[in-house]
Amino acid sequence: MTRSGGFAGETHTLLVKGDGSWSRLDAKAGPEGSGKLSEGELAALRTALREADFARQPRIATGGPKIYDGFYYAFVHGGYEVAGEEGSLSPALMKVAEALPPFTRG
């Protein structure tokens, strides 16, 4: 998943493997951090991904309220890509975002 925008206009990407290990990359795909989800965190992420049902999500989420200085998200999972502005994402996609490790250090 990639998150870009916000007040500072930053871009960060999180890559999560099936075993729960993750890497965070900056806008130039440089490494920013890594770690491993706990069993509980990995289970929560898997549940969120399953419930989001990427095959049934619109490819580009639209129609939500404009959030100035908000984020733009791009998800890739199971052969599907879904993207959209923060205010247009479904609650299920926001649950996926919330189940991921932090997008920034600290």
PDB file of N, CA and C in Angstrom:
ATOM      1  N   MET A   1       0.842  -1.164   0.000  1.00  0.00           N
ATOM      2  CA  MET A   1       0.000   0.000   0.000  1.00  0.00           C
ATOM      3  C   MET A   1       0.885   1.224   0.000  1.00  0.00           C
ATOM      4  N   THR A   2       0.490   2.214  -0.771  1.00  0.00           N
ATOM      5  CA  THR A   2       1.195   3.487  -0.810  1.00  0.00           C
ATOM      6  C   THR A   2       0.258   4.575  -0.323  1.00  0.00           C
ATOM      7  N   ARG A   3       0.808   5.469   0.497  1.00  0.00           N
ATOM      8  CA  ARG A   3       0.049   6.629   0.984  1.00  0.00           C
ATOM      9  C   ARG A   3       0.840   7.864   0.599  1.00  0.00           C
ATOM     10  N   SER A   4       0.170   8.793  -0.059  1.00  0.00           N
ATOM     11  CA  SER A   4       0.843  10.026  -0.450  1.00  0.00           C
ATOM     12  C   SER A   4      -0.029  11.218  -0.112  1.00  0.00           C
ATOM     13  N   GLY A   5       0.621  12.373  -0.049  1.00  0.00           N
ATOM     14  CA  GLY A   5      -0.110  13.606   0.214  1.00  0.00           C
ATOM     15  C   GLY A   5       0.054  14.071   1.635  1.00  0.00           C
ATOM     16  N   GLY A   6      -1.033  14.570   2.190  1.00  0.00           N
ATOM     17  CA  GLY A   6      -0.985  15.149   3.516  1.00  0.00           C
ATOM     18  C   GLY A   6      -0.393  16.545   3.452  1.00  0.00           C
ATOM     19  N   PHE A   7      -0.304  17.193   4.571  1.00  0.00           N
ATOM     20  CA  PHE A   7       0.197  18.562   4.653  1.00  0.00           C
ATOM     21  C   PHE A   7       1.613  18.673   4.090  1.00  0.00           C
ATOM     22  N   ALA A   8       2.455  17.677   4.383  1.00  0.00           N
ATOM     23  CA  ALA A   8       3.857  17.714   3.952  1.00  0.00           C
ATOM     24  C   ALA A   8       4.064  17.131   2.554  1.00  0.00           C
ATOM     25  N   GLY A   9       3.048  16.548   1.955  1.00  0.00           N
ATOM     26  CA  GLY A   9       3.171  15.987   0.619  1.00  0.00           C
ATOM     27  C   GLY A   9       4.127  14.810   0.540  1.00  0.00           C
ATOM     28  N   GLU A  10       4.143  13.991   1.561  1.00  0.00           N
ATOM     29  CA  GLU A  10       5.061  12.856   1.607  1.00  0.00           C
ATOM     30  C   GLU A  10       4.455  11.616   0.965  1.00  0.00           C
ATOM     31  N   THR A  11       5.337  10.706   0.536  1.00  0.00           N
ATOM     32  CA  THR A  11       4.917   9.421  -0.012  1.00  0.00           C
ATOM     33  C   THR A  11       5.655   8.313   0.719  1.00  0.00           C
ATOM     34  N   HIS A  12       4.910   7.327   1.173  1.00  0.00           N
ATOM     35  CA  HIS A  12       5.481   6.160   1.850  1.00  0.00           C
ATOM     36  C   HIS A  12       4.759   4.920   1.346  1.00  0.00           C
ATOM     37  N   THR A  13       5.510   3.835   1.208  1.00  0.00           N
ATOM     38  CA  THR A  13       4.938   2.571   0.764  1.00  0.00           C
ATOM     39  C   THR A  13       5.235   1.503   1.803  1.00  0.00           C
ATOM     40  N   LEU A  14       4.240   0.691   2.106  1.00  0.00           N
ATOM     41  CA  LEU A  14       4.401  -0.454   2.999  1.00  0.00           C
ATOM     42  C   LEU A  14       4.226  -1.732   2.204  1.00  0.00           C
ATOM     43  N   LEU A  15       5.187  -2.622   2.334  1.00  0.00           N
ATOM     44  CA  LEU A  15       5.116  -3.946   1.712  1.00  0.00           C
ATOM     45  C   LEU A  15       5.037  -4.961   2.839  1.00  0.00           C
ATOM     46  N   VAL A  16       3.991  -5.770   2.850  1.00  0.00           N
ATOM     47  CA  VAL A  16       3.812  -6.769   3.897  1.00  0.00           C
ATOM     48  C   VAL A  16       3.796  -8.142   3.247  1.00  0.00           C
ATOM     49  N   LYS A  17       4.658  -9.027   3.722  1.00  0.00           N
ATOM     50  CA  LYS A  17       4.721 -10.396   3.211  1.00  0.00           C
ATOM     51  C   LYS A  17       3.749 -11.282   3.991  1.00  0.00           C
ATOM     52  N   GLY A  18       3.496 -12.452   3.472  1.00  0.00           N
ATOM     53  CA  GLY A  18       2.558 -13.387   4.075  1.00  0.00           C
ATOM     54  C   GLY A  18       2.921 -13.827   5.478  1.00  0.00           C
ATOM     55  N   ASP A  19       4.212 -13.770   5.818  1.00  0.00           N
ATOM     56  CA  ASP A  19       4.634 -14.158   7.163  1.00  0.00           C
ATOM     57  C   ASP A  19       4.549 -13.007   8.165  1.00  0.00           C
ATOM     58  N   GLY A  20       4.112 -11.823   7.703  1.00  0.00           N
ATOM     59  CA  GLY A  20       3.967 -10.671   8.582  1.00  0.00           C
ATOM     60  C   GLY A  20       5.168  -9.744   8.579  1.00  0.00           C
ATOM     61  N   SER A  21       6.253 -10.124   7.915  1.00  0.00           N
ATOM     62  CA  SER A  21       7.398  -9.207   7.845  1.00  0.00           C
ATOM     63  C   SER A  21       7.026  -8.055   6.918  1.00  0.00           C
ATOM     64  N   TRP A  22       7.502  -6.860   7.254  1.00  0.00           N
ATOM     65  CA  TRP A  22       7.140  -5.690   6.460  1.00  0.00           C
ATOM     66  C   TRP A  22       8.347  -4.782   6.254  1.00  0.00           C
ATOM     67  N   SER A  23       8.260  -4.000   5.198  1.00  0.00           N
ATOM     68  CA  SER A  23       9.262  -2.984   4.870  1.00  0.00           C
ATOM     69  C   SER A  23       8.532  -1.699   4.535  1.00  0.00           C
ATOM     70  N   ARG A  24       9.112  -0.579   4.969  1.00  0.00           N
ATOM     71  CA  ARG A  24       8.563   0.738   4.640  1.00  0.00           C
ATOM     72  C   ARG A  24       9.576   1.438   3.735  1.00  0.00           C
ATOM     73  N   LEU A  25       9.080   2.003   2.630  1.00  0.00           N
ATOM     74  CA  LEU A  25       9.932   2.668   1.648  1.00  0.00           C
ATOM     75  C   LEU A  25       9.545   4.129   1.521  1.00  0.00           C
ATOM     76  N   ASP A  26      10.535   4.980   1.206  1.00  0.00           N
ATOM     77  CA  ASP A  26      10.249   6.391   0.988  1.00  0.00           C
ATOM     78  C   ASP A  26       9.825   6.622  -0.456  1.00  0.00           C
ATOM     79  N   ALA A  27       9.671   7.883  -0.843  1.00  0.00           N
ATOM     80  CA  ALA A  27       9.185   8.223  -2.180  1.00  0.00           C
ATOM     81  C   ALA A  27      10.094   7.730  -3.290  1.00  0.00           C
ATOM     82  N   LYS A  28      11.371   7.533  -2.998  1.00  0.00           N
ATOM     83  CA  LYS A  28      12.323   7.056  -4.002  1.00  0.00           C
ATOM     84  C   LYS A  28      12.601   5.566  -3.850  1.00  0.00           C
ATOM     85  N   ALA A  29      11.725   4.864  -3.142  1.00  0.00           N
ATOM     86  CA  ALA A  29      11.825   3.420  -2.886  1.00  0.00           C
ATOM     87  C   ALA A  29      13.057   3.069  -2.059  1.00  0.00           C
ATOM     88  N   GLY A  30      13.533   4.035  -1.277  1.00  0.00           N
ATOM     89  CA  GLY A  30      14.629   3.766  -0.350  1.00  0.00           C
ATOM     90  C   GLY A  30      14.086   3.212   0.951  1.00  0.00           C
ATOM     91  N   PRO A  31      14.817   2.322   1.588  1.00  0.00           N
ATOM     92  CA  PRO A  31      14.325   1.720   2.833  1.00  0.00           C
ATOM     93  C   PRO A  31      14.222   2.744   3.961  1.00  0.00           C
ATOM     94  N   GLU A  32      13.120   2.684   4.683  1.00  0.00           N
ATOM     95  CA  GLU A  32      12.877   3.569   5.834  1.00  0.00           C
ATOM     96  C   GLU A  32      12.683   2.802   7.126  1.00  0.00           C
ATOM     97  N   GLY A  33      12.396   1.548   7.037  1.00  0.00           N
ATOM     98  CA  GLY A  33      12.163   0.770   8.237  1.00  0.00           C
ATOM     99  C   GLY A  33      11.637  -0.601   7.884  1.00  0.00           C
ATOM    100  N   SER A  34      11.662  -1.469   8.874  1.00  0.00           N
ATOM    101  CA  SER A  34      11.146  -2.822   8.673  1.00  0.00           C
ATOM    102  C   SER A  34      10.767  -3.394  10.026  1.00  0.00           C
ATOM    103  N   GLY A  35      10.085  -4.502   9.989  1.00  0.00           N
ATOM    104  CA  GLY A  35       9.666  -5.162  11.214  1.00  0.00           C
ATOM    105  C   GLY A  35       8.843  -6.386  10.892  1.00  0.00           C
ATOM    106  N   LYS A  36       8.164  -6.861  11.898  1.00  0.00           N
ATOM    107  CA  LYS A  36       7.300  -8.029  11.703  1.00  0.00           C
ATOM    108  C   LYS A  36       6.059  -7.853  12.572  1.00  0.00           C
ATOM    109  N   LEU A  37       4.898  -8.076  11.957  1.00  0.00           N
ATOM    110  CA  LEU A  37       3.638  -8.008  12.688  1.00  0.00           C
ATOM    111  C   LEU A  37       3.560  -9.167  13.673  1.00  0.00           C
ATOM    112  N   SER A  38       2.948  -8.922  14.805  1.00  0.00           N
ATOM    113  CA  SER A  38       2.688 -10.013  15.745  1.00  0.00           C
ATOM    114  C   SER A  38       1.630 -10.925  15.136  1.00  0.00           C
ATOM    115  N   GLU A  39       1.455 -12.097  15.712  1.00  0.00           N
ATOM    116  CA  GLU A  39       0.420 -13.022  15.215  1.00  0.00           C
ATOM    117  C   GLU A  39      -0.958 -12.361  15.231  1.00  0.00           C
ATOM    118  N   GLY A  40      -1.259 -11.621  16.294  1.00  0.00           N
ATOM    119  CA  GLY A  40      -2.545 -10.941  16.396  1.00  0.00           C
ATOM    120  C   GLY A  40      -2.700  -9.846  15.359  1.00  0.00           C
ATOM    121  N   GLU A  41      -1.634  -9.077  15.128  1.00  0.00           N
ATOM    122  CA  GLU A  41      -1.676  -8.020  14.119  1.00  0.00           C
ATOM    123  C   GLU A  41      -1.835  -8.608  12.720  1.00  0.00           C
ATOM    124  N   LEU A  42      -1.127  -9.701  12.457  1.00  0.00           N
ATOM    125  CA  LEU A  42      -1.225 -10.346  11.152  1.00  0.00           C
ATOM    126  C   LEU A  42      -2.626 -10.915  10.938  1.00  0.00           C
ATOM    127  N   ALA A  43      -3.197 -11.499  11.973  1.00  0.00           N
ATOM    128  CA  ALA A  43      -4.566 -12.023  11.871  1.00  0.00           C
ATOM    129  C   ALA A  43      -5.556 -10.888  11.601  1.00  0.00           C
ATOM    130  N   ALA A  44      -5.369  -9.750  12.268  1.00  0.00           N
ATOM    131  CA  ALA A  44      -6.256  -8.602  12.060  1.00  0.00           C
ATOM    132  C   ALA A  44      -6.127  -8.076  10.629  1.00  0.00           C
ATOM    133  N   LEU A  45      -4.900  -8.026  10.103  1.00  0.00           N
ATOM    134  CA  LEU A  45      -4.696  -7.570   8.730  1.00  0.00           C
ATOM    135  C   LEU A  45      -5.342  -8.538   7.742  1.00  0.00           C
ATOM    136  N   ARG A  46      -5.152  -9.819   7.950  1.00  0.00           N
ATOM    137  CA  ARG A  46      -5.764 -10.811   7.050  1.00  0.00           C
ATOM    138  C   ARG A  46      -7.283 -10.713   7.057  1.00  0.00           C
ATOM    139  N   THR A  47      -7.861 -10.518   8.233  1.00  0.00           N
ATOM    140  CA  THR A  47      -9.307 -10.365   8.338  1.00  0.00           C
ATOM    141  C   THR A  47      -9.765  -9.115   7.596  1.00  0.00           C
ATOM    142  N   ALA A  48      -9.048  -8.009   7.799  1.00  0.00           N
ATOM    143  CA  ALA A  48      -9.408  -6.756   7.121  1.00  0.00           C
ATOM    144  C   ALA A  48      -9.304  -6.909   5.603  1.00  0.00           C
ATOM    145  N   LEU A  49      -8.256  -7.578   5.130  1.00  0.00           N
ATOM    146  CA  LEU A  49      -8.102  -7.794   3.687  1.00  0.00           C
ATOM    147  C   LEU A  49      -9.230  -8.653   3.129  1.00  0.00           C
ATOM    148  N   ARG A  50      -9.585  -9.695   3.835  1.00  0.00           N
ATOM    149  CA  ARG A  50     -10.669 -10.581   3.387  1.00  0.00           C
ATOM    150  C   ARG A  50     -12.004  -9.817   3.356  1.00  0.00           C
ATOM    151  N   GLU A  51     -12.277  -9.053   4.401  1.00  0.00           N
ATOM    152  CA  GLU A  51     -13.540  -8.319   4.478  1.00  0.00           C
ATOM    153  C   GLU A  51     -13.613  -7.189   3.449  1.00  0.00           C
ATOM    154  N   ALA A  52     -12.462  -6.654   3.041  1.00  0.00           N
ATOM    155  CA  ALA A  52     -12.457  -5.566   2.051  1.00  0.00           C
ATOM    156  C   ALA A  52     -12.884  -6.072   0.674  1.00  0.00           C
ATOM    157  N   ASP A  53     -12.707  -7.368   0.407  1.00  0.00           N
ATOM    158  CA  ASP A  53     -13.139  -7.987  -0.846  1.00  0.00           C
ATOM    159  C   ASP A  53     -12.723  -7.128  -2.056  1.00  0.00           C
ATOM    160  N   PHE A  54     -11.429  -7.076  -2.278  1.00  0.00           N
ATOM    161  CA  PHE A  54     -10.862  -6.220  -3.315  1.00  0.00           C
ATOM    162  C   PHE A  54     -11.498  -6.427  -4.678  1.00  0.00           C
ATOM    163  N   ALA A  55     -11.917  -7.627  -4.994  1.00  0.00           N
ATOM    164  CA  ALA A  55     -12.523  -7.896  -6.298  1.00  0.00           C
ATOM    165  C   ALA A  55     -13.807  -7.094  -6.501  1.00  0.00           C
ATOM    166  N   ARG A  56     -14.470  -6.721  -5.430  1.00  0.00           N
ATOM    167  CA  ARG A  56     -15.741  -5.995  -5.530  1.00  0.00           C
ATOM    168  C   ARG A  56     -15.594  -4.494  -5.281  1.00  0.00           C
ATOM    169  N   GLN A  57     -14.404  -4.042  -4.957  1.00  0.00           N
ATOM    170  CA  GLN A  57     -14.175  -2.613  -4.739  1.00  0.00           C
ATOM    171  C   GLN A  57     -14.040  -1.913  -6.091  1.00  0.00           C
ATOM    172  N   PRO A  58     -14.491  -0.657  -6.191  1.00  0.00           N
ATOM    173  CA  PRO A  58     -14.226   0.084  -7.428  1.00  0.00           C
ATOM    174  C   PRO A  58     -12.717   0.325  -7.559  1.00  0.00           C
ATOM    175  N   ARG A  59     -12.221   0.310  -8.770  1.00  0.00           N
ATOM    176  CA  ARG A  59     -10.778   0.508  -8.982  1.00  0.00           C
ATOM    177  C   ARG A  59     -10.328   1.863  -8.448  1.00  0.00           C
ATOM    178  N   ILE A  60     -11.132   2.882  -8.654  1.00  0.00           N
ATOM    179  CA  ILE A  60     -10.857   4.215  -8.116  1.00  0.00           C
ATOM    180  C   ILE A  60     -12.055   4.626  -7.264  1.00  0.00           C
ATOM    181  N   ALA A  61     -11.811   4.807  -5.972  1.00  0.00           N
ATOM    182  CA  ALA A  61     -12.880   5.222  -5.059  1.00  0.00           C
ATOM    183  C   ALA A  61     -13.133   6.717  -5.247  1.00  0.00           C
ATOM    184  N   THR A  62     -14.385   7.079  -5.437  1.00  0.00           N
ATOM    185  CA  THR A  62     -14.754   8.488  -5.628  1.00  0.00           C
ATOM    186  C   THR A  62     -16.003   8.796  -4.825  1.00  0.00           C
ATOM    187  N   GLY A  63     -16.354  10.065  -4.782  1.00  0.00           N
ATOM    188  CA  GLY A  63     -17.637  10.465  -4.221  1.00  0.00           C
ATOM    189  C   GLY A  63     -17.621  10.926  -2.782  1.00  0.00           C
ATOM    190  N   GLY A  64     -16.511  10.765  -2.097  1.00  0.00           N
ATOM    191  CA  GLY A  64     -16.463  11.203  -0.705  1.00  0.00           C
ATOM    192  C   GLY A  64     -16.174  12.684  -0.596  1.00  0.00           C
ATOM    193  N   PRO A  65     -16.243  13.201   0.614  1.00  0.00           N
ATOM    194  CA  PRO A  65     -15.948  14.624   0.809  1.00  0.00           C
ATOM    195  C   PRO A  65     -14.469  14.903   0.563  1.00  0.00           C
ATOM    196  N   LYS A  66     -14.184  16.087   0.056  1.00  0.00           N
ATOM    197  CA  LYS A  66     -12.799  16.506  -0.168  1.00  0.00           C
ATOM    198  C   LYS A  66     -12.169  16.797   1.187  1.00  0.00           C
ATOM    199  N   ILE A  67     -11.031  16.173   1.452  1.00  0.00           N
ATOM    200  CA  ILE A  67     -10.284  16.428   2.680  1.00  0.00           C
ATOM    201  C   ILE A  67      -9.010  17.150   2.276  1.00  0.00           C
ATOM    202  N   TYR A  68      -8.975  18.437   2.516  1.00  0.00           N
ATOM    203  CA  TYR A  68      -7.799  19.220   2.144  1.00  0.00           C
ATOM    204  C   TYR A  68      -6.611  18.751   2.972  1.00  0.00           C
ATOM    205  N   ASP A  69      -5.477  18.626   2.318  1.00  0.00           N
ATOM    206  CA  ASP A  69      -4.264  18.087   2.933  1.00  0.00           C
ATOM    207  C   ASP A  69      -4.472  16.647   3.393  1.00  0.00           C
ATOM    208  N   GLY A  70      -5.426  15.945   2.794  1.00  0.00           N
ATOM    209  CA  GLY A  70      -5.662  14.536   3.109  1.00  0.00           C
ATOM    210  C   GLY A  70      -4.698  13.654   2.333  1.00  0.00           C
ATOM    211  N   PHE A  71      -4.855  12.370   2.511  1.00  0.00           N
ATOM    212  CA  PHE A  71      -3.973  11.400   1.880  1.00  0.00           C
ATOM    213  C   PHE A  71      -4.665  10.713   0.711  1.00  0.00           C
ATOM    214  N   TYR A  72      -3.857  10.246  -0.213  1.00  0.00           N
ATOM    215  CA  TYR A  72      -4.297   9.416  -1.318  1.00  0.00           C
ATOM    216  C   TYR A  72      -3.698   8.038  -1.087  1.00  0.00           C
ATOM    217  N   TYR A  73      -4.517   7.010  -1.178  1.00  0.00           N
ATOM    218  CA  TYR A  73      -4.081   5.644  -0.900  1.00  0.00           C
ATOM    219  C   TYR A  73      -4.160   4.790  -2.164  1.00  0.00           C
ATOM    220  N   ALA A  74      -3.191   3.905  -2.327  1.00  0.00           N
ATOM    221  CA  ALA A  74      -3.216   2.914  -3.397  1.00  0.00           C
ATOM    222  C   ALA A  74      -2.915   1.556  -2.766  1.00  0.00           C
ATOM    223  N   PHE A  75      -3.860   0.643  -2.873  1.00  0.00           N
ATOM    224  CA  PHE A  75      -3.747  -0.701  -2.306  1.00  0.00           C
ATOM    225  C   PHE A  75      -3.512  -1.696  -3.439  1.00  0.00           C
ATOM    226  N   VAL A  76      -2.679  -2.675  -3.205  1.00  0.00           N
ATOM    227  CA  VAL A  76      -2.513  -3.784  -4.138  1.00  0.00           C
ATOM    228  C   VAL A  76      -2.587  -5.061  -3.301  1.00  0.00           C
ATOM    229  N   HIS A  77      -3.520  -5.936  -3.684  1.00  0.00           N
ATOM    230  CA  HIS A  77      -3.688  -7.193  -2.941  1.00  0.00           C
ATOM    231  C   HIS A  77      -4.401  -8.207  -3.825  1.00  0.00           C
ATOM    232  N   GLY A  78      -3.890  -9.412  -3.840  1.00  0.00           N
ATOM    233  CA  GLY A  78      -4.553 -10.510  -4.540  1.00  0.00           C
ATOM    234  C   GLY A  78      -4.782 -10.262  -6.021  1.00  0.00           C
ATOM    235  N   GLY A  79      -3.890  -9.512  -6.657  1.00  0.00           N
ATOM    236  CA  GLY A  79      -4.039  -9.234  -8.079  1.00  0.00           C
ATOM    237  C   GLY A  79      -4.944  -8.054  -8.395  1.00  0.00           C
ATOM    238  N   TYR A  80      -5.403  -7.332  -7.388  1.00  0.00           N
ATOM    239  CA  TYR A  80      -6.274  -6.177  -7.581  1.00  0.00           C
ATOM    240  C   TYR A  80      -5.589  -4.928  -7.060  1.00  0.00           C
ATOM    241  N   GLU A  81      -5.873  -3.811  -7.714  1.00  0.00           N
ATOM    242  CA  GLU A  81      -5.395  -2.516  -7.255  1.00  0.00           C
ATOM    243  C   GLU A  81      -6.592  -1.608  -7.067  1.00  0.00           C
ATOM    244  N   VAL A  82      -6.650  -0.959  -5.925  1.00  0.00           N
ATOM    245  CA  VAL A  82      -7.726  -0.039  -5.590  1.00  0.00           C
ATOM    246  C   VAL A  82      -7.072   1.226  -5.051  1.00  0.00           C
ATOM    247  N   ALA A  83      -7.566   2.368  -5.472  1.00  0.00           N
ATOM    248  CA  ALA A  83      -6.973   3.627  -5.035  1.00  0.00           C
ATOM    249  C   ALA A  83      -8.062   4.661  -4.797  1.00  0.00           C
ATOM    250  N   GLY A  84      -7.710   5.695  -4.057  1.00  0.00           N
ATOM    251  CA  GLY A  84      -8.655   6.777  -3.837  1.00  0.00           C
ATOM    252  C   GLY A  84      -8.211   7.710  -2.743  1.00  0.00           C
ATOM    253  N   GLU A  85      -8.865   8.849  -2.709  1.00  0.00           N
ATOM    254  CA  GLU A  85      -8.599   9.828  -1.673  1.00  0.00           C
ATOM    255  C   GLU A  85      -9.198   9.350  -0.351  1.00  0.00           C
ATOM    256  N   GLU A  86      -8.607   9.806   0.708  1.00  0.00           N
ATOM    257  CA  GLU A  86      -8.982   9.409   2.065  1.00  0.00           C
ATOM    258  C   GLU A  86     -10.493   9.463   2.303  1.00  0.00           C
ATOM    259  N   GLY A  87     -11.144  10.520   1.907  1.00  0.00           N
ATOM    260  CA  GLY A  87     -12.571  10.680   2.154  1.00  0.00           C
ATOM    261  C   GLY A  87     -13.467   9.808   1.299  1.00  0.00           C
ATOM    262  N   SER A  88     -12.904   9.192   0.267  1.00  0.00           N
ATOM    263  CA  SER A  88     -13.702   8.370  -0.640  1.00  0.00           C
ATOM    264  C   SER A  88     -13.544   6.870  -0.416  1.00  0.00           C
ATOM    265  N   LEU A  89     -12.591   6.479   0.424  1.00  0.00           N
ATOM    266  CA  LEU A  89     -12.367   5.053   0.662  1.00  0.00           C
ATOM    267  C   LEU A  89     -13.483   4.456   1.496  1.00  0.00           C
ATOM    268  N   SER A  90     -13.820   3.222   1.199  1.00  0.00           N
ATOM    269  CA  SER A  90     -14.848   2.521   1.971  1.00  0.00           C
ATOM    270  C   SER A  90     -14.329   2.269   3.387  1.00  0.00           C
ATOM    271  N   PRO A  91     -15.237   2.083   4.338  1.00  0.00           N
ATOM    272  CA  PRO A  91     -14.804   1.742   5.696  1.00  0.00           C
ATOM    273  C   PRO A  91     -13.937   0.479   5.722  1.00  0.00           C
ATOM    274  N   ALA A  92     -14.229  -0.479   4.843  1.00  0.00           N
ATOM    275  CA  ALA A  92     -13.442  -1.718   4.809  1.00  0.00           C
ATOM    276  C   ALA A  92     -12.000  -1.438   4.392  1.00  0.00           C
ATOM    277  N   LEU A  93     -11.799  -0.537   3.428  1.00  0.00           N
ATOM    278  CA  LEU A  93     -10.432  -0.196   3.021  1.00  0.00           C
ATOM    279  C   LEU A  93      -9.712   0.598   4.113  1.00  0.00           C
ATOM    280  N   MET A  94     -10.423   1.458   4.799  1.00  0.00           N
ATOM    281  CA  MET A  94      -9.791   2.195   5.901  1.00  0.00           C
ATOM    282  C   MET A  94      -9.382   1.239   7.020  1.00  0.00           C
ATOM    283  N   LYS A  95     -10.151   0.175   7.206  1.00  0.00           N
ATOM    284  CA  LYS A  95      -9.792  -0.832   8.201  1.00  0.00           C
ATOM    285  C   LYS A  95      -8.496  -1.534   7.808  1.00  0.00           C
ATOM    286  N   VAL A  96      -8.295  -1.782   6.507  1.00  0.00           N
ATOM    287  CA  VAL A  96      -7.036  -2.355   6.042  1.00  0.00           C
ATOM    288  C   VAL A  96      -5.897  -1.396   6.358  1.00  0.00           C
ATOM    289  N   ALA A  97      -6.071  -0.119   6.033  1.00  0.00           N
ATOM    290  CA  ALA A  97      -5.027   0.878   6.292  1.00  0.00           C
ATOM    291  C   ALA A  97      -4.676   0.937   7.779  1.00  0.00           C
ATOM    292  N   GLU A  98      -5.672   0.857   8.621  1.00  0.00           N
ATOM    293  CA  GLU A  98      -5.451   0.926  10.064  1.00  0.00           C
ATOM    294  C   GLU A  98      -4.757  -0.321  10.608  1.00  0.00           C
ATOM    295  N   ALA A  99      -4.869  -1.439   9.912  1.00  0.00           N
ATOM    296  CA  ALA A  99      -4.243  -2.690  10.362  1.00  0.00           C
ATOM    297  C   ALA A  99      -2.772  -2.778   9.960  1.00  0.00           C
ATOM    298  N   LEU A 100      -2.314  -1.851   9.147  1.00  0.00           N
ATOM    299  CA  LEU A 100      -0.927  -1.856   8.689  1.00  0.00           C
ATOM    300  C   LEU A 100       0.009  -1.187   9.694  1.00  0.00           C
ATOM    301  N   PRO A 101       1.297  -1.453   9.591  1.00  0.00           N
ATOM    302  CA  PRO A 101       2.270  -0.746  10.431  1.00  0.00           C
ATOM    303  C   PRO A 101       2.225   0.751  10.116  1.00  0.00           C
ATOM    304  N   PRO A 102       2.846   1.581  10.950  1.00  0.00           N
ATOM    305  CA  PRO A 102       2.819   3.039  10.697  1.00  0.00           C
ATOM    306  C   PRO A 102       3.528   3.399   9.391  1.00  0.00           C
ATOM    307  N   PHE A 103       3.042   4.445   8.741  1.00  0.00           N
ATOM    308  CA  PHE A 103       3.640   4.902   7.502  1.00  0.00           C
ATOM    309  C   PHE A 103       4.859   5.778   7.717  1.00  0.00           C
ATOM    310  N   THR A 104       5.066   6.233   8.900  1.00  0.00           N
ATOM    311  CA  THR A 104       6.227   7.068   9.180  1.00  0.00           C
ATOM    312  C   THR A 104       6.935   6.549  10.418  1.00  0.00           C
ATOM    313  N   ARG A 105       8.195   6.929  10.518  1.00  0.00           N
ATOM    314  CA  ARG A 105       8.973   6.530  11.699  1.00  0.00           C
ATOM    315  C   ARG A 105       8.465   7.260  12.928  1.00  0.00           C
ATOM    316  N   GLY A 106       8.660   6.607  14.056  1.00  0.00           N
ATOM    317  CA  GLY A 106       8.375   7.277  15.310  1.00  0.00           C
ATOM    318  C   GLY A 106       7.049   7.084  15.854  1.00  0.00           C
TER     319      GLY A 106
END
